[in-house]
Amino acid sequence: MILDDSRSPLVFLRRHLEPEAANPADDEVLLERLLDRGHRFVLITDHATDDHAGETAEERRQRAAFFKRIKDRMQRLCRGMIVLEGDRPLPAPIRALASTASKAFGFPVAFARDETEAIRLGERLLAPPE
């Protein structure tokens, strides 16, 4: 993944252009650095639904352990995640999985057709409660 925080507090998680060159350990370092700043943010992602399809059981276990370790900080700092759908809405099972992830992570997961819509949603999530 590529973490682009140049428009912080809107943080974009983008697919790695060369998936075989991606390193999950690097992804963890990037997320840790983002959390270490202590600022609220919204994640906007274009990750494919099959991003983790080739993972081994050990890699899944390590990823789960990492997210368990950062869960409290994610709940405190991440105001939500917005998944870019593109031209076609994601299938219902993927949306259901996102709902489950939302509960597990403690922040909302929303869907947007494009980046413009995602930015509007992200700004609403970051706005102080009325």
C-alpha atoms as a PDB file:
ATOM      1  CA  MET A   1       0.000   0.000   0.000  1.00  0.00           C
ATOM      2  CA  ILE A   2       1.038   3.568  -0.454  1.00  0.00           C
ATOM      3  CA  LEU A   3       0.088   5.910   2.360  1.00  0.00           C
ATOM      4  CA  ASP A   4      -0.328   9.470   1.096  1.00  0.00           C
ATOM      5  CA  ASP A   5      -0.803  11.968   3.921  1.00  0.00           C
ATOM      6  CA  SER A   6      -0.049  15.077   1.842  1.00  0.00           C
ATOM      7  CA  ARG A   7      -3.697  16.160   2.307  1.00  0.00           C
ATOM      8  CA  SER A   8      -3.873  15.316   6.001  1.00  0.00           C
ATOM      9  CA  PRO A   9      -6.177  14.882   7.877  1.00  0.00           C
ATOM     10  CA  LEU A  10      -7.478  13.098   4.774  1.00  0.00           C
ATOM     11  CA  VAL A  11      -5.086  10.173   4.391  1.00  0.00           C
ATOM     12  CA  PHE A  12      -5.148   8.133   1.206  1.00  0.00           C
ATOM     13  CA  LEU A  13      -4.278   4.438   1.210  1.00  0.00           C
ATOM     14  CA  ARG A  14      -3.588   3.522  -2.379  1.00  0.00           C
ATOM     15  CA  ARG A  15      -2.821   0.224  -4.025  1.00  0.00           C
ATOM     16  CA  HIS A  16       0.832  -0.422  -4.572  1.00  0.00           C
ATOM     17  CA  LEU A  17       1.553  -0.067  -8.289  1.00  0.00           C
ATOM     18  CA  GLU A  18       3.762  -3.144  -8.147  1.00  0.00           C
ATOM     19  CA  PRO A  19       2.016  -5.540  -5.719  1.00  0.00           C
ATOM     20  CA  GLU A  20       4.933  -7.977  -5.759  1.00  0.00           C
ATOM     21  CA  ALA A  21       7.185  -5.200  -4.424  1.00  0.00           C
ATOM     22  CA  ALA A  22       4.850  -4.356  -1.543  1.00  0.00           C
ATOM     23  CA  ASN A  23       6.063  -5.200   1.946  1.00  0.00           C
ATOM     24  CA  PRO A  24       3.465  -5.593   4.741  1.00  0.00           C
ATOM     25  CA  ALA A  25       6.080  -4.640   7.347  1.00  0.00           C
ATOM     26  CA  ASP A  26       6.533  -1.288   5.587  1.00  0.00           C
ATOM     27  CA  ASP A  27       2.750  -0.775   5.661  1.00  0.00           C
ATOM     28  CA  GLU A  28       2.751  -1.317   9.415  1.00  0.00           C
ATOM     29  CA  VAL A  29       5.565   1.215   9.888  1.00  0.00           C
ATOM     30  CA  LEU A  30       3.625   3.807   7.858  1.00  0.00           C
ATOM     31  CA  LEU A  31       0.456   3.302   9.910  1.00  0.00           C
ATOM     32  CA  GLU A  32       2.423   3.435  13.180  1.00  0.00           C
ATOM     33  CA  ARG A  33       3.998   6.751  12.142  1.00  0.00           C
ATOM     34  CA  LEU A  34       0.585   8.146  11.274  1.00  0.00           C
ATOM     35  CA  LEU A  35      -0.775   7.132  14.674  1.00  0.00           C
ATOM     36  CA  ASP A  36       2.306   8.406  16.514  1.00  0.00           C
ATOM     37  CA  ARG A  37       1.436  11.940  15.395  1.00  0.00           C
ATOM     38  CA  GLY A  38      -1.666  11.830  17.570  1.00  0.00           C
ATOM     39  CA  HIS A  39      -3.875  13.742  15.097  1.00  0.00           C
ATOM     40  CA  ARG A  40      -7.374  12.789  14.018  1.00  0.00           C
ATOM     41  CA  PHE A  41      -7.694  11.600  10.423  1.00  0.00           C
ATOM     42  CA  VAL A  42      -9.909   9.843   7.885  1.00  0.00           C
ATOM     43  CA  LEU A  43      -8.637   7.031   5.677  1.00  0.00           C
ATOM     44  CA  ILE A  44      -9.673   7.020   2.024  1.00  0.00           C
ATOM     45  CA  THR A  45      -8.766   3.802   0.252  1.00  0.00           C
ATOM     46  CA  ASP A  46      -8.930   2.343  -3.212  1.00  0.00           C
ATOM     47  CA  HIS A  47      -7.836  -1.103  -2.061  1.00  0.00           C
ATOM     48  CA  ALA A  48      -9.135  -4.006  -4.085  1.00  0.00           C
ATOM     49  CA  THR A  49     -11.369  -6.531  -2.381  1.00  0.00           C
ATOM     50  CA  ASP A  50      -8.792  -9.250  -3.081  1.00  0.00           C
ATOM     51  CA  ASP A  51      -5.788  -7.375  -1.655  1.00  0.00           C
ATOM     52  CA  HIS A  52      -5.006 -10.142   0.816  1.00  0.00           C
ATOM     53  CA  ALA A  53      -5.974 -13.105  -1.378  1.00  0.00           C
ATOM     54  CA  GLY A  54      -2.443 -14.524  -1.588  1.00  0.00           C
ATOM     55  CA  GLU A  55      -1.655 -14.281   2.118  1.00  0.00           C
ATOM     56  CA  THR A  56      -0.557 -17.290   4.100  1.00  0.00           C
ATOM     57  CA  ALA A  57      -2.198 -18.163   7.397  1.00  0.00           C
ATOM     58  CA  GLU A  58       0.895 -16.834   9.196  1.00  0.00           C
ATOM     59  CA  GLU A  59       0.719 -13.511   7.335  1.00  0.00           C
ATOM     60  CA  ARG A  60      -2.974 -13.154   8.261  1.00  0.00           C
ATOM     61  CA  ARG A  61      -2.144 -13.943  11.885  1.00  0.00           C
ATOM     62  CA  GLN A  62       0.608 -11.308  11.920  1.00  0.00           C
ATOM     63  CA  ARG A  63      -1.680  -8.708  10.328  1.00  0.00           C
ATOM     64  CA  ALA A  64      -4.411  -9.457  12.887  1.00  0.00           C
ATOM     65  CA  ALA A  65      -1.893  -9.116  15.730  1.00  0.00           C
ATOM     66  CA  PHE A  66      -0.731  -5.778  14.338  1.00  0.00           C
ATOM     67  CA  PHE A  67      -4.265  -4.406  14.126  1.00  0.00           C
ATOM     68  CA  LYS A  68      -5.012  -5.664  17.623  1.00  0.00           C
ATOM     69  CA  ARG A  69      -1.926  -3.781  18.856  1.00  0.00           C
ATOM     70  CA  ILE A  70      -2.991  -0.469  17.251  1.00  0.00           C
ATOM     71  CA  LYS A  71      -6.758  -0.858  17.770  1.00  0.00           C
ATOM     72  CA  ASP A  72      -7.046   1.593  20.694  1.00  0.00           C
ATOM     73  CA  ARG A  73      -5.169   4.336  18.875  1.00  0.00           C
ATOM     74  CA  MET A  74      -7.136   3.722  15.674  1.00  0.00           C
ATOM     75  CA  GLN A  75     -10.418   4.032  17.591  1.00  0.00           C
ATOM     76  CA  ARG A  76      -9.266   7.271  19.186  1.00  0.00           C
ATOM     77  CA  LEU A  77      -7.758   8.941  16.114  1.00  0.00           C
ATOM     78  CA  CYS A  78      -9.388   7.513  12.993  1.00  0.00           C
ATOM     79  CA  ARG A  79     -12.735   9.191  12.372  1.00  0.00           C
ATOM     80  CA  GLY A  80     -13.614   6.686   9.640  1.00  0.00           C
ATOM     81  CA  MET A  81     -12.610   4.887   6.480  1.00  0.00           C
ATOM     82  CA  ILE A  82     -14.031   5.602   3.055  1.00  0.00           C
ATOM     83  CA  VAL A  83     -13.731   2.972   0.347  1.00  0.00           C
ATOM     84  CA  LEU A  84     -13.646   4.212  -3.238  1.00  0.00           C
ATOM     85  CA  GLU A  85     -15.949   2.023  -5.321  1.00  0.00           C
ATOM     86  CA  GLY A  86     -15.452   3.433  -8.776  1.00  0.00           C
ATOM     87  CA  ASP A  87     -18.110   2.925 -11.420  1.00  0.00           C
ATOM     88  CA  ARG A  88     -19.639  -0.193  -9.895  1.00  0.00           C
ATOM     89  CA  PRO A  89     -20.829  -0.555  -6.312  1.00  0.00           C
ATOM     90  CA  LEU A  90     -19.122  -3.233  -4.273  1.00  0.00           C
ATOM     91  CA  PRO A  91     -21.051  -6.486  -3.866  1.00  0.00           C
ATOM     92  CA  ALA A  92     -23.253  -6.939  -0.783  1.00  0.00           C
ATOM     93  CA  PRO A  93     -20.910  -9.500   0.859  1.00  0.00           C
ATOM     94  CA  ILE A  94     -18.039  -7.007   0.706  1.00  0.00           C
ATOM     95  CA  ARG A  95     -20.241  -4.297   2.234  1.00  0.00           C
ATOM     96  CA  ALA A  96     -21.251  -6.720   4.994  1.00  0.00           C
ATOM     97  CA  LEU A  97     -17.587  -7.466   5.667  1.00  0.00           C
ATOM     98  CA  ALA A  98     -16.933  -3.720   5.891  1.00  0.00           C
ATOM     99  CA  SER A  99     -19.739  -3.396   8.425  1.00  0.00           C
ATOM    100  CA  THR A 100     -18.155  -6.131  10.539  1.00  0.00           C
ATOM    101  CA  ALA A 101     -14.748  -4.452  10.252  1.00  0.00           C
ATOM    102  CA  SER A 102     -16.325  -1.159  11.255  1.00  0.00           C
ATOM    103  CA  LYS A 103     -17.564  -2.676  14.501  1.00  0.00           C
ATOM    104  CA  ALA A 104     -14.250  -4.390  15.174  1.00  0.00           C
ATOM    105  CA  PHE A 105     -12.185  -1.260  14.546  1.00  0.00           C
ATOM    106  CA  GLY A 106     -14.584   1.125  16.265  1.00  0.00           C
ATOM    107  CA  PHE A 107     -14.967   3.639  13.440  1.00  0.00           C
ATOM    108  CA  PRO A 108     -17.422   3.933  10.537  1.00  0.00           C
ATOM    109  CA  VAL A 109     -16.758   2.588   7.070  1.00  0.00           C
ATOM    110  CA  ALA A 110     -18.455   4.425   4.196  1.00  0.00           C
ATOM    111  CA  PHE A 111     -18.417   4.038   0.427  1.00  0.00           C
ATOM    112  CA  ALA A 112     -17.960   6.696  -2.250  1.00  0.00           C
ATOM    113  CA  ARG A 113     -18.142   6.627  -6.039  1.00  0.00           C
ATOM    114  CA  ASP A 114     -15.077   8.810  -6.506  1.00  0.00           C
ATOM    115  CA  GLU A 115     -12.436  10.819  -4.723  1.00  0.00           C
ATOM    116  CA  THR A 116     -14.488  14.029  -4.754  1.00  0.00           C
ATOM    117  CA  GLU A 117     -17.371  12.348  -2.949  1.00  0.00           C
ATOM    118  CA  ALA A 118     -14.930  10.667  -0.565  1.00  0.00           C
ATOM    119  CA  ILE A 119     -13.349  13.994   0.347  1.00  0.00           C
ATOM    120  CA  ARG A 120     -16.779  15.484   1.133  1.00  0.00           C
ATOM    121  CA  LEU A 121     -17.622  12.487   3.319  1.00  0.00           C
ATOM    122  CA  GLY A 122     -14.226  12.702   5.020  1.00  0.00           C
ATOM    123  CA  GLU A 123     -14.694  16.379   5.825  1.00  0.00           C
ATOM    124  CA  ARG A 124     -18.059  15.577   7.417  1.00  0.00           C
ATOM    125  CA  LEU A 125     -16.495  12.836   9.523  1.00  0.00           C
ATOM    126  CA  LEU A 126     -13.819  15.241  10.712  1.00  0.00           C
ATOM    127  CA  ALA A 127     -16.222  18.069  11.521  1.00  0.00           C
ATOM    128  CA  PRO A 128     -16.868  18.690  15.211  1.00  0.00           C
ATOM    129  CA  PRO A 129     -20.235  17.389  16.436  1.00  0.00           C
ATOM    130  CA  GLU A 130     -23.009  19.941  16.367  1.00  0.00           C
END
